[in-house]
PDB file of N, CA and C in Angstrom:
ATOM      1  N   UNK A   1       0.952  -0.997  -0.190  1.00  0.00           N
ATOM      2  CA  UNK A   1       0.288  -0.149  -0.107  1.00  0.00           C
ATOM      3  C   UNK A   1       0.925   0.551  -0.097  1.00  0.00           C
ATOM      4  N   UNK A   2       0.256   2.315  -1.221  1.00  0.00           N
ATOM      5  CA  UNK A   2       1.213   4.212  -1.015  1.00  0.00           C
ATOM      6  C   UNK A   2       1.766   4.146   0.634  1.00  0.00           C
ATOM      7  N   UNK A   3       2.670   4.596   0.970  1.00  0.00           N
ATOM      8  CA  UNK A   3       2.316   5.416   2.030  1.00  0.00           C
ATOM      9  C   UNK A   3       1.733   6.604   1.883  1.00  0.00           C
ATOM     10  N   UNK A   4       1.417   6.924   0.915  1.00  0.00           N
ATOM     11  CA  UNK A   4       1.158   8.377   0.869  1.00  0.00           C
ATOM     12  C   UNK A   4      -0.094   8.383   1.200  1.00  0.00           C
ATOM     13  N   UNK A   5      -0.561   7.777   0.872  1.00  0.00           N
ATOM     14  CA  UNK A   5      -2.374   7.605   0.490  1.00  0.00           C
ATOM     15  C   UNK A   5      -2.759   7.288   2.061  1.00  0.00           C
ATOM     16  N   UNK A   6      -2.163   5.843   2.578  1.00  0.00           N
ATOM     17  CA  UNK A   6      -2.134   5.855   4.374  1.00  0.00           C
ATOM     18  C   UNK A   6      -1.383   7.776   4.986  1.00  0.00           C
ATOM     19  N   UNK A   7      -1.760   7.723   5.319  1.00  0.00           N
ATOM     20  CA  UNK A   7      -0.718   9.124   5.239  1.00  0.00           C
ATOM     21  C   UNK A   7      -1.754  10.317   5.268  1.00  0.00           C
ATOM     22  N   UNK A   8      -2.386  10.288   4.383  1.00  0.00           N
ATOM     23  CA  UNK A   8      -3.690  11.049   3.989  1.00  0.00           C
ATOM     24  C   UNK A   8      -4.610  10.898   4.654  1.00  0.00           C
ATOM     25  N   UNK A   9      -5.041   9.085   4.908  1.00  0.00           N
ATOM     26  CA  UNK A   9      -6.262   8.288   4.927  1.00  0.00           C
ATOM     27  C   UNK A   9      -5.839   9.059   6.469  1.00  0.00           C
ATOM     28  N   UNK A  10      -4.921   8.223   7.422  1.00  0.00           N
ATOM     29  CA  UNK A  10      -4.902   8.346   8.732  1.00  0.00           C
ATOM     30  C   UNK A  10      -4.472  10.104   8.937  1.00  0.00           C
ATOM     31  N   UNK A  11      -4.490  11.404   8.811  1.00  0.00           N
ATOM     32  CA  UNK A  11      -4.285  12.580   8.639  1.00  0.00           C
ATOM     33  C   UNK A  11      -5.748  13.046   8.918  1.00  0.00           C
ATOM     34  N   UNK A  12      -6.075  12.693   7.620  1.00  0.00           N
ATOM     35  CA  UNK A  12      -8.290  12.581   7.309  1.00  0.00           C
ATOM     36  C   UNK A  12      -9.292  12.258   8.684  1.00  0.00           C
ATOM     37  N   UNK A  13      -8.610  11.157   8.642  1.00  0.00           N
ATOM     38  CA  UNK A  13      -9.700  10.444  10.298  1.00  0.00           C
ATOM     39  C   UNK A  13      -8.756  11.659  11.610  1.00  0.00           C
ATOM     40  N   UNK A  14      -7.703  11.949  11.916  1.00  0.00           N
ATOM     41  CA  UNK A  14      -7.166  12.450  12.677  1.00  0.00           C
ATOM     42  C   UNK A  14      -8.351  14.421  13.263  1.00  0.00           C
ATOM     43  N   UNK A  15      -8.552  14.657  11.591  1.00  0.00           N
ATOM     44  CA  UNK A  15      -9.865  15.323  12.184  1.00  0.00           C
ATOM     45  C   UNK A  15     -11.304  15.348  12.025  1.00  0.00           C
ATOM     46  N   UNK A  16     -11.607  14.383  12.097  1.00  0.00           N
ATOM     47  CA  UNK A  16     -13.214  13.976  12.431  1.00  0.00           C
ATOM     48  C   UNK A  16     -13.397  14.025  13.857  1.00  0.00           C
ATOM     49  N   UNK A  17     -13.761  15.774  14.055  1.00  0.00           N
ATOM     50  CA  UNK A  17     -13.979  16.418  15.415  1.00  0.00           C
ATOM     51  C   UNK A  17     -14.901  14.874  16.744  1.00  0.00           C
ATOM     52  N   UNK A  18     -14.672  14.816  17.517  1.00  0.00           N
ATOM     53  CA  UNK A  18     -15.276  14.310  18.833  1.00  0.00           C
ATOM     54  C   UNK A  18     -16.718  14.466  18.899  1.00  0.00           C
ATOM     55  N   UNK A  19     -17.229  13.007  18.807  1.00  0.00           N
ATOM     56  CA  UNK A  19     -18.382  13.389  18.636  1.00  0.00           C
ATOM     57  C   UNK A  19     -19.008  13.072  17.116  1.00  0.00           C
ATOM     58  N   UNK A  20     -18.407  13.498  16.589  1.00  0.00           N
ATOM     59  CA  UNK A  20     -19.269  13.182  14.805  1.00  0.00           C
ATOM     60  C   UNK A  20     -18.678  11.903  14.218  1.00  0.00           C
ATOM     61  N   UNK A  21     -18.965  11.303  13.508  1.00  0.00           N
ATOM     62  CA  UNK A  21     -18.532  10.595  12.304  1.00  0.00           C
ATOM     63  C   UNK A  21     -18.965  10.780  11.472  1.00  0.00           C
ATOM     64  N   UNK A  22     -17.846  10.072  10.173  1.00  0.00           N
ATOM     65  CA  UNK A  22     -18.286  10.054   9.061  1.00  0.00           C
ATOM     66  C   UNK A  22     -18.015   8.263   8.483  1.00  0.00           C
ATOM     67  N   UNK A  23     -17.874   7.635   7.198  1.00  0.00           N
ATOM     68  CA  UNK A  23     -18.620   6.905   6.446  1.00  0.00           C
ATOM     69  C   UNK A  23     -17.091   6.549   5.686  1.00  0.00           C
ATOM     70  N   UNK A  24     -16.447   5.838   5.397  1.00  0.00           N
ATOM     71  CA  UNK A  24     -15.505   5.087   4.891  1.00  0.00           C
ATOM     72  C   UNK A  24     -15.417   6.283   3.060  1.00  0.00           C
ATOM     73  N   UNK A  25     -17.157   6.344   2.345  1.00  0.00           N
ATOM     74  CA  UNK A  25     -17.671   7.311   1.316  1.00  0.00           C
ATOM     75  C   UNK A  25     -17.266   8.343   1.287  1.00  0.00           C
ATOM     76  N   UNK A  26     -17.100   9.103   1.997  1.00  0.00           N
ATOM     77  CA  UNK A  26     -16.717   9.858   2.932  1.00  0.00           C
ATOM     78  C   UNK A  26     -15.253  10.395   2.933  1.00  0.00           C
ATOM     79  N   UNK A  27     -14.532   9.969   3.172  1.00  0.00           N
ATOM     80  CA  UNK A  27     -13.256  10.309   3.897  1.00  0.00           C
ATOM     81  C   UNK A  27     -12.408   9.669   2.209  1.00  0.00           C
ATOM     82  N   UNK A  28     -13.007   8.300   1.771  1.00  0.00           N
ATOM     83  CA  UNK A  28     -12.685   8.256   0.537  1.00  0.00           C
ATOM     84  C   UNK A  28     -13.061   9.174  -1.695  1.00  0.00           C
ATOM     85  N   UNK A  29     -13.779   9.907  -1.035  1.00  0.00           N
ATOM     86  CA  UNK A  29     -14.271  11.158  -1.541  1.00  0.00           C
ATOM     87  C   UNK A  29     -13.260  12.369  -1.477  1.00  0.00           C
ATOM     88  N   UNK A  30     -12.588  12.782   0.579  1.00  0.00           N
ATOM     89  CA  UNK A  30     -12.055  13.441   0.003  1.00  0.00           C
ATOM     90  C   UNK A  30     -10.903  13.439   0.079  1.00  0.00           C
ATOM     91  N   UNK A  31     -10.198  12.221   0.446  1.00  0.00           N
ATOM     92  CA  UNK A  31      -8.468  12.106  -0.021  1.00  0.00           C
ATOM     93  C   UNK A  31      -7.624  11.613  -1.437  1.00  0.00           C
ATOM     94  N   UNK A  32      -9.339  11.051  -1.768  1.00  0.00           N
ATOM     95  CA  UNK A  32      -9.508  11.056  -3.747  1.00  0.00           C
ATOM     96  C   UNK A  32      -8.772   9.595  -4.068  1.00  0.00           C
ATOM     97  N   UNK A  33      -9.755   8.702  -3.344  1.00  0.00           N
ATOM     98  CA  UNK A  33      -9.912   6.592  -3.288  1.00  0.00           C
ATOM     99  C   UNK A  33     -10.400   5.879  -3.131  1.00  0.00           C
ATOM    100  N   UNK A  34     -11.139   4.972  -3.285  1.00  0.00           N
ATOM    101  CA  UNK A  34     -11.892   4.160  -3.252  1.00  0.00           C
ATOM    102  C   UNK A  34     -12.751   3.624  -1.559  1.00  0.00           C
ATOM    103  N   UNK A  35     -13.342   4.188  -0.837  1.00  0.00           N
ATOM    104  CA  UNK A  35     -14.403   3.354  -0.064  1.00  0.00           C
ATOM    105  C   UNK A  35     -13.534   1.800   0.334  1.00  0.00           C
ATOM    106  N   UNK A  36     -13.324   1.417  -0.578  1.00  0.00           N
ATOM    107  CA  UNK A  36     -12.131   0.093   0.065  1.00  0.00           C
ATOM    108  C   UNK A  36     -11.577  -0.358  -0.166  1.00  0.00           C
ATOM    109  N   UNK A  37     -10.606   1.325  -0.757  1.00  0.00           N
ATOM    110  CA  UNK A  37      -9.054   1.477   0.032  1.00  0.00           C
ATOM    111  C   UNK A  37      -9.457   2.530   1.009  1.00  0.00           C
ATOM    112  N   UNK A  38     -10.177   3.177   1.819  1.00  0.00           N
ATOM    113  CA  UNK A  38     -10.274   3.404   3.100  1.00  0.00           C
ATOM    114  C   UNK A  38     -10.285   2.293   4.258  1.00  0.00           C
ATOM    115  N   UNK A  39     -10.987   1.039   4.313  1.00  0.00           N
ATOM    116  CA  UNK A  39     -11.177  -0.071   4.464  1.00  0.00           C
ATOM    117  C   UNK A  39     -10.149  -0.549   4.796  1.00  0.00           C
ATOM    118  N   UNK A  40      -8.941  -0.643   3.779  1.00  0.00           N
ATOM    119  CA  UNK A  40      -8.097  -1.178   3.491  1.00  0.00           C
ATOM    120  C   UNK A  40      -6.720  -0.577   4.227  1.00  0.00           C
ATOM    121  N   UNK A  41      -7.101  -0.121   4.794  1.00  0.00           N
ATOM    122  CA  UNK A  41      -6.493   1.196   5.451  1.00  0.00           C
ATOM    123  C   UNK A  41      -6.537   1.727   7.245  1.00  0.00           C
ATOM    124  N   UNK A  42      -7.711   2.084   7.455  1.00  0.00           N
ATOM    125  CA  UNK A  42      -8.702   1.258   9.094  1.00  0.00           C
ATOM    126  C   UNK A  42      -7.898  -0.262   9.274  1.00  0.00           C
ATOM    127  N   UNK A  43      -8.027  -0.775   9.043  1.00  0.00           N
ATOM    128  CA  UNK A  43      -7.685  -2.345   9.240  1.00  0.00           C
ATOM    129  C   UNK A  43      -6.083  -2.834   9.450  1.00  0.00           C
ATOM    130  N   UNK A  44      -5.145  -1.740   8.094  1.00  0.00           N
ATOM    131  CA  UNK A  44      -4.388  -2.050   8.964  1.00  0.00           C
ATOM    132  C   UNK A  44      -3.408  -1.159   9.223  1.00  0.00           C
ATOM    133  N   UNK A  45      -3.840   0.927   9.630  1.00  0.00           N
ATOM    134  CA  UNK A  45      -3.541   0.719  10.757  1.00  0.00           C
ATOM    135  C   UNK A  45      -3.877   2.268  11.110  1.00  0.00           C
ATOM    136  N   UNK A  46      -4.872   1.799  11.579  1.00  0.00           N
ATOM    137  CA  UNK A  46      -5.965   2.341  11.836  1.00  0.00           C
ATOM    138  C   UNK A  46      -6.005   2.585  13.014  1.00  0.00           C
ATOM    139  N   UNK A  47      -5.376   1.380  14.103  1.00  0.00           N
ATOM    140  CA  UNK A  47      -5.498   1.207  15.190  1.00  0.00           C
ATOM    141  C   UNK A  47      -5.403   2.148  16.158  1.00  0.00           C
ATOM    142  N   UNK A  48      -4.421   3.300  15.713  1.00  0.00           N
ATOM    143  CA  UNK A  48      -3.456   4.206  16.189  1.00  0.00           C
ATOM    144  C   UNK A  48      -4.565   5.891  16.522  1.00  0.00           C
ATOM    145  N   UNK A  49      -5.682   5.267  15.479  1.00  0.00           N
ATOM    146  CA  UNK A  49      -5.667   7.017  15.286  1.00  0.00           C
ATOM    147  C   UNK A  49      -7.877   7.013  16.252  1.00  0.00           C
ATOM    148  N   UNK A  50      -8.292   7.725  16.093  1.00  0.00           N
ATOM    149  CA  UNK A  50      -9.830   7.537  16.382  1.00  0.00           C
ATOM    150  C   UNK A  50     -10.734   6.876  14.890  1.00  0.00           C
ATOM    151  N   UNK A  51     -10.475   5.530  14.955  1.00  0.00           N
ATOM    152  CA  UNK A  51     -11.061   4.633  14.508  1.00  0.00           C
ATOM    153  C   UNK A  51     -12.767   4.323  14.312  1.00  0.00           C
ATOM    154  N   UNK A  52     -12.934   4.821  15.575  1.00  0.00           N
ATOM    155  CA  UNK A  52     -14.517   4.582  16.010  1.00  0.00           C
ATOM    156  C   UNK A  52     -15.497   5.385  15.098  1.00  0.00           C
ATOM    157  N   UNK A  53     -14.372   6.450  14.624  1.00  0.00           N
ATOM    158  CA  UNK A  53     -15.016   7.974  13.817  1.00  0.00           C
ATOM    159  C   UNK A  53     -15.507   7.660  12.506  1.00  0.00           C
ATOM    160  N   UNK A  54     -14.842   6.055  11.867  1.00  0.00           N
ATOM    161  CA  UNK A  54     -15.257   6.059  10.845  1.00  0.00           C
ATOM    162  C   UNK A  54     -16.459   4.632  10.303  1.00  0.00           C
ATOM    163  N   UNK A  55     -16.859   5.158  10.002  1.00  0.00           N
ATOM    164  CA  UNK A  55     -18.316   3.943   9.787  1.00  0.00           C
ATOM    165  C   UNK A  55     -18.657   3.828   8.452  1.00  0.00           C
ATOM    166  N   UNK A  56     -19.370   3.015   8.117  1.00  0.00           N
ATOM    167  CA  UNK A  56     -20.104   2.088   6.471  1.00  0.00           C
ATOM    168  C   UNK A  56     -21.105   3.492   6.668  1.00  0.00           C
ATOM    169  N   UNK A  57     -21.519   3.399   5.038  1.00  0.00           N
ATOM    170  CA  UNK A  57     -22.393   4.493   4.420  1.00  0.00           C
ATOM    171  C   UNK A  57     -23.738   4.186   5.265  1.00  0.00           C
ATOM    172  N   UNK A  58     -24.178   3.636   6.356  1.00  0.00           N
ATOM    173  CA  UNK A  58     -25.477   3.447   6.922  1.00  0.00           C
ATOM    174  C   UNK A  58     -25.073   3.569   8.605  1.00  0.00           C
ATOM    175  N   UNK A  59     -23.930   3.890   9.082  1.00  0.00           N
ATOM    176  CA  UNK A  59     -23.022   4.224  10.312  1.00  0.00           C
ATOM    177  C   UNK A  59     -22.961   3.785  11.176  1.00  0.00           C
ATOM    178  N   UNK A  60     -22.965   1.588  10.520  1.00  0.00           N
ATOM    179  CA  UNK A  60     -22.132   0.919  11.364  1.00  0.00           C
ATOM    180  C   UNK A  60     -21.181   0.250  11.177  1.00  0.00           C
ATOM    181  N   UNK A  61     -20.701  -0.200  12.066  1.00  0.00           N
ATOM    182  CA  UNK A  61     -19.216  -1.288  12.487  1.00  0.00           C
ATOM    183  C   UNK A  61     -19.422  -2.275  12.046  1.00  0.00           C
ATOM    184  N   UNK A  62     -18.112  -2.838  11.751  1.00  0.00           N
ATOM    185  CA  UNK A  62     -18.523  -4.911  11.992  1.00  0.00           C
ATOM    186  C   UNK A  62     -18.419  -4.760  12.510  1.00  0.00           C
ATOM    187  N   UNK A  63     -18.826  -6.032  13.039  1.00  0.00           N
ATOM    188  CA  UNK A  63     -19.365  -6.784  14.598  1.00  0.00           C
ATOM    189  C   UNK A  63     -17.999  -6.788  15.547  1.00  0.00           C
ATOM    190  N   UNK A  64     -17.258  -7.351  15.023  1.00  0.00           N
ATOM    191  CA  UNK A  64     -16.043  -6.877  15.994  1.00  0.00           C
ATOM    192  C   UNK A  64     -15.186  -5.603  16.565  1.00  0.00           C
ATOM    193  N   UNK A  65     -15.369  -4.640  16.196  1.00  0.00           N
ATOM    194  CA  UNK A  65     -15.866  -3.306  16.548  1.00  0.00           C
ATOM    195  C   UNK A  65     -16.279  -2.852  17.368  1.00  0.00           C
ATOM    196  N   UNK A  66     -17.350  -3.211  17.221  1.00  0.00           N
ATOM    197  CA  UNK A  66     -18.980  -2.829  17.797  1.00  0.00           C
ATOM    198  C   UNK A  66     -18.171  -1.755  19.481  1.00  0.00           C
ATOM    199  N   UNK A  67     -17.863  -3.024  20.322  1.00  0.00           N
ATOM    200  CA  UNK A  67     -18.432  -3.396  21.712  1.00  0.00           C
ATOM    201  C   UNK A  67     -17.400  -2.090  22.105  1.00  0.00           C
ATOM    202  N   UNK A  68     -15.911  -2.085  21.657  1.00  0.00           N
ATOM    203  CA  UNK A  68     -15.291  -1.216  22.163  1.00  0.00           C
ATOM    204  C   UNK A  68     -15.189   0.411  21.253  1.00  0.00           C
ATOM    205  N   UNK A  69     -16.155   0.979  20.605  1.00  0.00           N
ATOM    206  CA  UNK A  69     -16.687   1.512  19.397  1.00  0.00           C
ATOM    207  C   UNK A  69     -17.857   1.842  20.512  1.00  0.00           C
ATOM    208  N   UNK A  70     -18.408   1.104  21.060  1.00  0.00           N
ATOM    209  CA  UNK A  70     -19.461   1.197  22.087  1.00  0.00           C
ATOM    210  C   UNK A  70     -19.405   2.581  23.209  1.00  0.00           C
ATOM    211  N   UNK A  71     -18.474   2.139  23.908  1.00  0.00           N
ATOM    212  CA  UNK A  71     -17.506   2.748  24.525  1.00  0.00           C
ATOM    213  C   UNK A  71     -16.719   4.072  24.221  1.00  0.00           C
ATOM    214  N   UNK A  72     -16.333   4.914  23.832  1.00  0.00           N
ATOM    215  CA  UNK A  72     -15.980   5.580  23.141  1.00  0.00           C
ATOM    216  C   UNK A  72     -16.487   6.571  22.288  1.00  0.00           C
ATOM    217  N   UNK A  73     -17.751   5.970  22.156  1.00  0.00           N
ATOM    218  CA  UNK A  73     -19.156   6.394  21.596  1.00  0.00           C
ATOM    219  C   UNK A  73     -20.239   7.439  22.344  1.00  0.00           C
ATOM    220  N   UNK A  74     -20.137   6.412  23.470  1.00  0.00           N
ATOM    221  CA  UNK A  74     -21.123   6.582  25.055  1.00  0.00           C
ATOM    222  C   UNK A  74     -19.798   8.350  25.720  1.00  0.00           C
ATOM    223  N   UNK A  75     -18.374   7.993  25.807  1.00  0.00           N
ATOM    224  CA  UNK A  75     -17.338   8.835  26.326  1.00  0.00           C
ATOM    225  C   UNK A  75     -17.774  10.523  25.298  1.00  0.00           C
ATOM    226  N   UNK A  76     -17.946  10.471  24.126  1.00  0.00           N
ATOM    227  CA  UNK A  76     -18.382  11.454  23.219  1.00  0.00           C
ATOM    228  C   UNK A  76     -19.905  11.745  22.725  1.00  0.00           C
ATOM    229  N   UNK A  77     -20.625  11.313  23.370  1.00  0.00           N
ATOM    230  CA  UNK A  77     -22.292  11.509  23.486  1.00  0.00           C
ATOM    231  C   UNK A  77     -22.582  10.607  22.389  1.00  0.00           C
ATOM    232  N   UNK A  78     -21.587  10.125  21.525  1.00  0.00           N
ATOM    233  CA  UNK A  78     -22.972   9.130  20.667  1.00  0.00           C
ATOM    234  C   UNK A  78     -23.882   8.194  21.060  1.00  0.00           C
ATOM    235  N   UNK A  79     -24.742   7.628  19.975  1.00  0.00           N
ATOM    236  CA  UNK A  79     -25.981   7.924  21.192  1.00  0.00           C
ATOM    237  C   UNK A  79     -25.488   5.928  19.583  1.00  0.00           C
ATOM    238  N   UNK A  80     -26.058   4.832  20.498  1.00  0.00           N
ATOM    239  CA  UNK A  80     -26.360   3.764  19.361  1.00  0.00           C
ATOM    240  C   UNK A  80     -27.875   3.488  18.820  1.00  0.00           C
ATOM    241  N   UNK A  81     -27.678   3.400  17.763  1.00  0.00           N
ATOM    242  CA  UNK A  81     -29.322   2.935  17.662  1.00  0.00           C
ATOM    243  C   UNK A  81     -29.741   1.480  18.168  1.00  0.00           C
ATOM    244  N   UNK A  82     -31.317   1.933  17.809  1.00  0.00           N
ATOM    245  CA  UNK A  82     -31.577   0.835  18.738  1.00  0.00           C
ATOM    246  C   UNK A  82     -31.190  -1.157  18.737  1.00  0.00           C
ATOM    247  N   UNK A  83     -30.754  -0.879  16.866  1.00  0.00           N
ATOM    248  CA  UNK A  83     -30.136  -2.296  16.579  1.00  0.00           C
ATOM    249  C   UNK A  83     -28.844  -2.858  17.033  1.00  0.00           C
ATOM    250  N   UNK A  84     -28.172  -2.049  17.539  1.00  0.00           N
ATOM    251  CA  UNK A  84     -27.137  -2.052  18.091  1.00  0.00           C
ATOM    252  C   UNK A  84     -25.759  -2.183  16.751  1.00  0.00           C
ATOM    253  N   UNK A  85     -26.352  -1.834  15.702  1.00  0.00           N
ATOM    254  CA  UNK A  85     -24.759  -1.882  14.865  1.00  0.00           C
ATOM    255  C   UNK A  85     -23.998  -0.898  14.382  1.00  0.00           C
ATOM    256  N   UNK A  86     -24.659   0.377  15.337  1.00  0.00           N
ATOM    257  CA  UNK A  86     -23.508   1.580  14.890  1.00  0.00           C
ATOM    258  C   UNK A  86     -24.414   2.599  15.660  1.00  0.00           C
ATOM    259  N   UNK A  87     -24.971   4.007  14.316  1.00  0.00           N
ATOM    260  CA  UNK A  87     -24.619   5.088  14.836  1.00  0.00           C
ATOM    261  C   UNK A  87     -25.773   5.468  13.981  1.00  0.00           C
ATOM    262  N   UNK A  88     -27.349   6.577  14.102  1.00  0.00           N
ATOM    263  CA  UNK A  88     -27.590   6.732  12.854  1.00  0.00           C
ATOM    264  C   UNK A  88     -27.056   8.067  12.383  1.00  0.00           C
ATOM    265  N   UNK A  89     -26.223   7.521  11.033  1.00  0.00           N
ATOM    266  CA  UNK A  89     -24.901   9.500  10.806  1.00  0.00           C
ATOM    267  C   UNK A  89     -25.816  10.271  10.077  1.00  0.00           C
ATOM    268  N   UNK A  90     -26.778  10.186   9.627  1.00  0.00           N
ATOM    269  CA  UNK A  90     -27.245  11.212   8.881  1.00  0.00           C
ATOM    270  C   UNK A  90     -27.394  12.067  10.722  1.00  0.00           C
ATOM    271  N   UNK A  91     -27.159  12.201  12.000  1.00  0.00           N
ATOM    272  CA  UNK A  91     -27.550  12.588  13.228  1.00  0.00           C
ATOM    273  C   UNK A  91     -26.025  13.549  13.519  1.00  0.00           C
ATOM    274  N   UNK A  92     -25.284  12.549  13.163  1.00  0.00           N
ATOM    275  CA  UNK A  92     -24.283  12.320  13.806  1.00  0.00           C
ATOM    276  C   UNK A  92     -22.605  12.160  12.701  1.00  0.00           C
ATOM    277  N   UNK A  93     -22.801  12.628  10.878  1.00  0.00           N
ATOM    278  CA  UNK A  93     -22.431  13.465  10.748  1.00  0.00           C
ATOM    279  C   UNK A  93     -21.340  14.081  10.118  1.00  0.00           C
ATOM    280  N   UNK A  94     -20.464  14.362  10.168  1.00  0.00           N
ATOM    281  CA  UNK A  94     -18.851  15.835  10.599  1.00  0.00           C
ATOM    282  C   UNK A  94     -19.864  16.548   9.284  1.00  0.00           C
ATOM    283  N   UNK A  95     -19.443  18.076   9.625  1.00  0.00           N
ATOM    284  CA  UNK A  95     -19.238  17.900   8.758  1.00  0.00           C
ATOM    285  C   UNK A  95     -18.401  18.575   7.718  1.00  0.00           C
ATOM    286  N   UNK A  96     -18.483  18.195   6.810  1.00  0.00           N
ATOM    287  CA  UNK A  96     -17.683  17.320   5.820  1.00  0.00           C
ATOM    288  C   UNK A  96     -17.123  19.038   4.604  1.00  0.00           C
ATOM    289  N   UNK A  97     -17.641  20.125   5.063  1.00  0.00           N
ATOM    290  CA  UNK A  97     -17.317  21.420   4.168  1.00  0.00           C
ATOM    291  C   UNK A  97     -15.327  21.617   5.388  1.00  0.00           C
ATOM    292  N   UNK A  98     -15.949  21.783   6.457  1.00  0.00           N
ATOM    293  CA  UNK A  98     -15.518  21.827   7.526  1.00  0.00           C
ATOM    294  C   UNK A  98     -14.216  20.989   7.345  1.00  0.00           C
ATOM    295  N   UNK A  99     -14.043  19.517   7.291  1.00  0.00           N
ATOM    296  CA  UNK A  99     -13.832  18.336   7.287  1.00  0.00           C
ATOM    297  C   UNK A  99     -12.453  18.446   6.347  1.00  0.00           C
ATOM    298  N   UNK A 100     -12.852  18.660   4.996  1.00  0.00           N
ATOM    299  CA  UNK A 100     -12.372  19.503   3.637  1.00  0.00           C
ATOM    300  C   UNK A 100     -11.093  20.653   3.715  1.00  0.00           C
ATOM    301  N   UNK A 101     -11.792  21.497   4.404  1.00  0.00           N
ATOM    302  CA  UNK A 101     -10.267  22.884   4.651  1.00  0.00           C
ATOM    303  C   UNK A 101      -9.203  22.203   6.335  1.00  0.00           C
ATOM    304  N   UNK A 102      -9.640  21.672   7.547  1.00  0.00           N
ATOM    305  CA  UNK A 102      -9.127  20.811   7.679  1.00  0.00           C
ATOM    306  C   UNK A 102      -8.257  19.914   7.638  1.00  0.00           C
ATOM    307  N   UNK A 103      -8.323  19.046   6.822  1.00  0.00           N
ATOM    308  CA  UNK A 103      -7.610  18.177   5.824  1.00  0.00           C
ATOM    309  C   UNK A 103      -6.954  18.693   4.761  1.00  0.00           C
ATOM    310  N   UNK A 104      -7.247  19.827   3.807  1.00  0.00           N
ATOM    311  CA  UNK A 104      -5.877  20.326   3.187  1.00  0.00           C
ATOM    312  C   UNK A 104      -5.166  20.681   4.229  1.00  0.00           C
ATOM    313  N   UNK A 105      -5.818  21.891   4.949  1.00  0.00           N
ATOM    314  CA  UNK A 105      -4.795  22.145   6.221  1.00  0.00           C
ATOM    315  C   UNK A 105      -3.487  21.592   6.541  1.00  0.00           C
ATOM    316  N   UNK A 106      -3.708  19.504   7.652  1.00  0.00           N
ATOM    317  CA  UNK A 106      -3.202  19.318   7.914  1.00  0.00           C
ATOM    318  C   UNK A 106      -1.920  18.622   6.806  1.00  0.00           C
ATOM    319  N   UNK A 107      -2.677  18.521   5.796  1.00  0.00           N
ATOM    320  CA  UNK A 107      -2.279  18.110   4.024  1.00  0.00           C
ATOM    321  C   UNK A 107      -1.261  18.580   3.490  1.00  0.00           C
ATOM    322  N   UNK A 108      -1.393  19.784   4.692  1.00  0.00           N
ATOM    323  CA  UNK A 108      -0.431  20.734   3.433  1.00  0.00           C
ATOM    324  C   UNK A 108       1.309  20.730   3.217  1.00  0.00           C
ATOM    325  N   UNK A 109       1.933  19.438   4.088  1.00  0.00           N
ATOM    326  CA  UNK A 109       3.391  19.665   3.902  1.00  0.00           C
ATOM    327  C   UNK A 109       3.252  18.067   3.321  1.00  0.00           C
ATOM    328  N   UNK A 110       2.765  17.542   2.610  1.00  0.00           N
ATOM    329  CA  UNK A 110       2.716  16.395   1.576  1.00  0.00           C
ATOM    330  C   UNK A 110       2.292  15.950   0.314  1.00  0.00           C
ATOM    331  N   UNK A 111       3.458  15.837  -0.726  1.00  0.00           N
ATOM    332  CA  UNK A 111       3.565  16.170  -1.757  1.00  0.00           C
ATOM    333  C   UNK A 111       2.065  15.878  -2.718  1.00  0.00           C
ATOM    334  N   UNK A 112       2.156  16.408  -3.708  1.00  0.00           N
ATOM    335  CA  UNK A 112       0.374  16.514  -4.772  1.00  0.00           C
ATOM    336  C   UNK A 112      -0.176  14.824  -5.213  1.00  0.00           C
TER     337      UNK A 112
END
């Protein structure tokens, strides 16, 4: 996997505000890659960033991550949907415009 892509994805995740989430697709659009690539980066390298703020398009998380995410979400004020699979992404999605500006700022030192 391209180190620059990994760095861009991880920096993007770090810009998602506390109490907010984004989808793999949101990050993909921001970074300029596909959602599956974002998922691959998160799976391989996401353990040291705020991974619980990245969900699928429905606001859901993979089963193995749900319990740990619930704990982080509770601390951030994110409520779990009644089905227990994730959060209501429409309610908790980060402001994507503000996220894009923050992302541009933190990636200014990286090559294009």
